[in-house]
Amino acid sequence: MKIIKPIFLFAVLFSIAGMAYSSSGSAPVSLKEHHKDLECADCHGNESEEKYYLTPSEACLSCHGSRQEVAELTKELDAGNVNPHRSFHSGTATECYECHREHKLSRNFCGNCHDTDLWMNPVP
């Protein structure tokens, strides 16, 4: 029993180490590695936490560049007409949150209708 308590304590502390806290400190939220230095307001603006929902694409684009610049990052997929950031369905107008999620697993929006295993990498 004596060894179980330190192992349990270590497991709890280790799991907490991967979490960030909201600005009020009220609720822990996970952040992906590439966004670990961001504050809530960097993406959610000055909204109250109750109003946090899907982050508008404009918040993403304020750091990641214009929709055209983001599409250029995946331009190798243009040849097969499968660039998710320059889609033949919606051009560059697809909202970032359709695929990218910060506090949970991202998803492949194109996979709702298409078998994308051959041409799409996992969504960050």
Protein backbone atom coordinates (compact mmCIF):
# COMPACT_ATOMS: atom_id res chain seq x y z
CA MET A 1 0.00 0.00 0.00
CA LYS A 2 2.89 2.36 0.77
CA ILE A 3 4.21 2.13 -2.80
CA ILE A 4 0.78 2.70 -4.36
CA LYS A 5 0.37 6.18 -2.86
CA PRO A 6 3.60 7.61 -4.38
CA ILE A 7 2.82 6.02 -7.76
CA PHE A 8 -0.71 7.44 -7.69
CA LEU A 9 0.61 10.88 -6.68
CA PHE A 10 3.19 10.78 -9.48
CA ALA A 11 0.51 9.81 -12.02
CA VAL A 12 -1.73 12.68 -10.92
CA LEU A 13 1.10 15.23 -11.02
CA PHE A 14 2.29 13.96 -14.40
CA SER A 15 -1.17 14.30 -15.94
CA ILE A 16 -1.57 17.81 -14.55
CA ALA A 17 1.77 18.85 -16.05
CA GLY A 18 0.27 18.66 -19.55
CA MET A 19 -2.57 21.04 -18.77
CA ALA A 20 -2.91 24.81 -18.78
CA TYR A 21 -5.43 26.71 -16.72
CA SER A 22 -7.96 29.23 -17.94
CA SER A 23 -7.32 32.88 -17.16
CA SER A 24 -9.54 32.66 -14.10
CA GLY A 25 -7.88 29.44 -13.01
CA SER A 26 -11.28 27.76 -12.86
CA ALA A 27 -10.94 24.98 -15.42
CA PRO A 28 -7.90 23.11 -16.76
CA VAL A 29 -7.68 22.88 -20.53
CA SER A 30 -5.19 21.00 -22.66
CA LEU A 31 -3.12 22.80 -25.30
CA LYS A 32 -1.29 21.22 -28.19
CA GLU A 33 2.48 21.48 -28.08
CA HIS A 34 2.73 24.12 -30.82
CA HIS A 35 0.33 26.42 -28.91
CA LYS A 36 1.54 25.76 -25.35
CA ASP A 37 2.75 29.35 -24.83
CA LEU A 38 -0.56 30.98 -25.76
CA GLU A 39 -3.03 32.55 -23.35
CA CYS A 40 -6.79 32.01 -23.65
CA ALA A 41 -7.27 35.59 -24.92
CA ASP A 42 -4.80 35.01 -27.77
CA CYS A 43 -7.45 32.86 -29.49
CA HIS A 44 -10.69 33.68 -27.71
CA GLY A 45 -10.22 37.44 -27.38
CA ASN A 46 -11.84 39.23 -24.48
CA GLU A 47 -14.96 37.04 -24.42
CA SER A 48 -16.01 35.63 -21.08
CA GLU A 49 -15.28 31.93 -20.67
CA GLU A 50 -18.98 31.10 -20.86
CA LYS A 51 -18.95 32.38 -24.45
CA TYR A 52 -15.90 30.38 -25.56
CA TYR A 53 -16.95 28.06 -28.31
CA LEU A 54 -15.48 27.65 -31.76
CA THR A 55 -12.65 30.05 -32.34
CA PRO A 56 -13.26 32.24 -35.40
CA SER A 57 -10.83 31.60 -38.25
CA GLU A 58 -9.73 35.24 -38.06
CA ALA A 59 -8.11 34.45 -34.69
CA CYS A 60 -6.13 31.59 -36.26
CA LEU A 61 -5.19 33.66 -39.29
CA SER A 62 -3.90 36.52 -37.13
CA CYS A 63 -0.91 34.27 -36.35
CA HIS A 64 -0.84 31.78 -39.24
CA GLY A 65 -1.21 34.28 -42.09
CA SER A 66 -3.91 34.86 -44.67
CA ARG A 67 -6.05 32.07 -46.08
CA GLN A 68 -3.91 32.20 -49.24
CA GLU A 69 -0.71 31.87 -47.21
CA VAL A 70 -2.10 28.86 -45.35
CA ALA A 71 -3.16 27.29 -48.67
CA GLU A 72 0.40 27.75 -49.94
CA LEU A 73 1.70 25.66 -47.02
CA THR A 74 -0.13 22.64 -48.49
CA LYS A 75 0.27 23.55 -52.18
CA GLU A 76 1.72 20.12 -53.02
CA LEU A 77 -1.88 18.88 -52.77
CA ASP A 78 -3.07 21.32 -55.46
CA ALA A 79 -2.00 18.94 -58.26
CA GLY A 80 -4.52 16.33 -57.15
CA ASN A 81 -7.13 18.99 -56.40
CA VAL A 82 -7.16 17.80 -52.79
CA ASN A 83 -5.69 20.79 -50.94
CA PRO A 84 -8.00 21.21 -47.93
CA HIS A 85 -6.95 24.86 -47.65
CA ARG A 86 -7.80 25.55 -51.32
CA SER A 87 -10.76 23.24 -51.82
CA PHE A 88 -12.67 22.91 -55.07
CA HIS A 89 -15.78 22.96 -52.87
CA SER A 90 -15.18 26.24 -51.04
CA GLY A 91 -11.88 27.68 -52.22
CA THR A 92 -10.09 29.14 -49.22
CA ALA A 93 -13.30 29.87 -47.28
CA THR A 94 -13.43 26.69 -45.14
CA GLU A 95 -13.37 27.61 -41.46
CA CYS A 96 -10.29 26.43 -39.57
CA TYR A 97 -12.38 24.78 -36.85
CA GLU A 98 -13.94 22.41 -39.39
CA CYS A 99 -10.75 20.34 -39.02
CA HIS A 100 -8.50 21.88 -36.37
CA ARG A 101 -9.33 21.61 -32.67
CA GLU A 102 -7.12 22.90 -29.91
CA HIS A 103 -8.53 21.32 -26.78
CA LYS A 104 -9.45 17.95 -28.26
CA LEU A 105 -8.52 15.77 -31.23
CA SER A 106 -8.66 17.46 -34.60
CA ARG A 107 -10.72 15.83 -37.29
CA ASN A 108 -10.63 15.44 -41.04
CA PHE A 109 -13.65 17.35 -42.36
CA CYS A 110 -13.04 16.06 -45.91
CA GLY A 111 -13.39 12.53 -44.51
CA ASN A 112 -17.08 13.17 -43.87
CA CYS A 113 -17.69 12.49 -47.57
CA HIS A 114 -14.39 11.29 -49.05
CA ASP A 115 -12.02 8.40 -48.37
CA THR A 116 -8.93 10.48 -47.64
CA ASP A 117 -6.55 7.77 -46.39
CA LEU A 118 -4.52 7.88 -49.61
CA TRP A 119 -3.87 11.62 -49.72
CA MET A 120 -4.32 13.22 -46.33
CA ASN A 121 -1.98 13.18 -43.34
CA PRO A 122 -3.36 13.35 -39.80
CA VAL A 123 -4.78 16.79 -38.99
CA PRO A 124 -2.71 18.72 -36.42
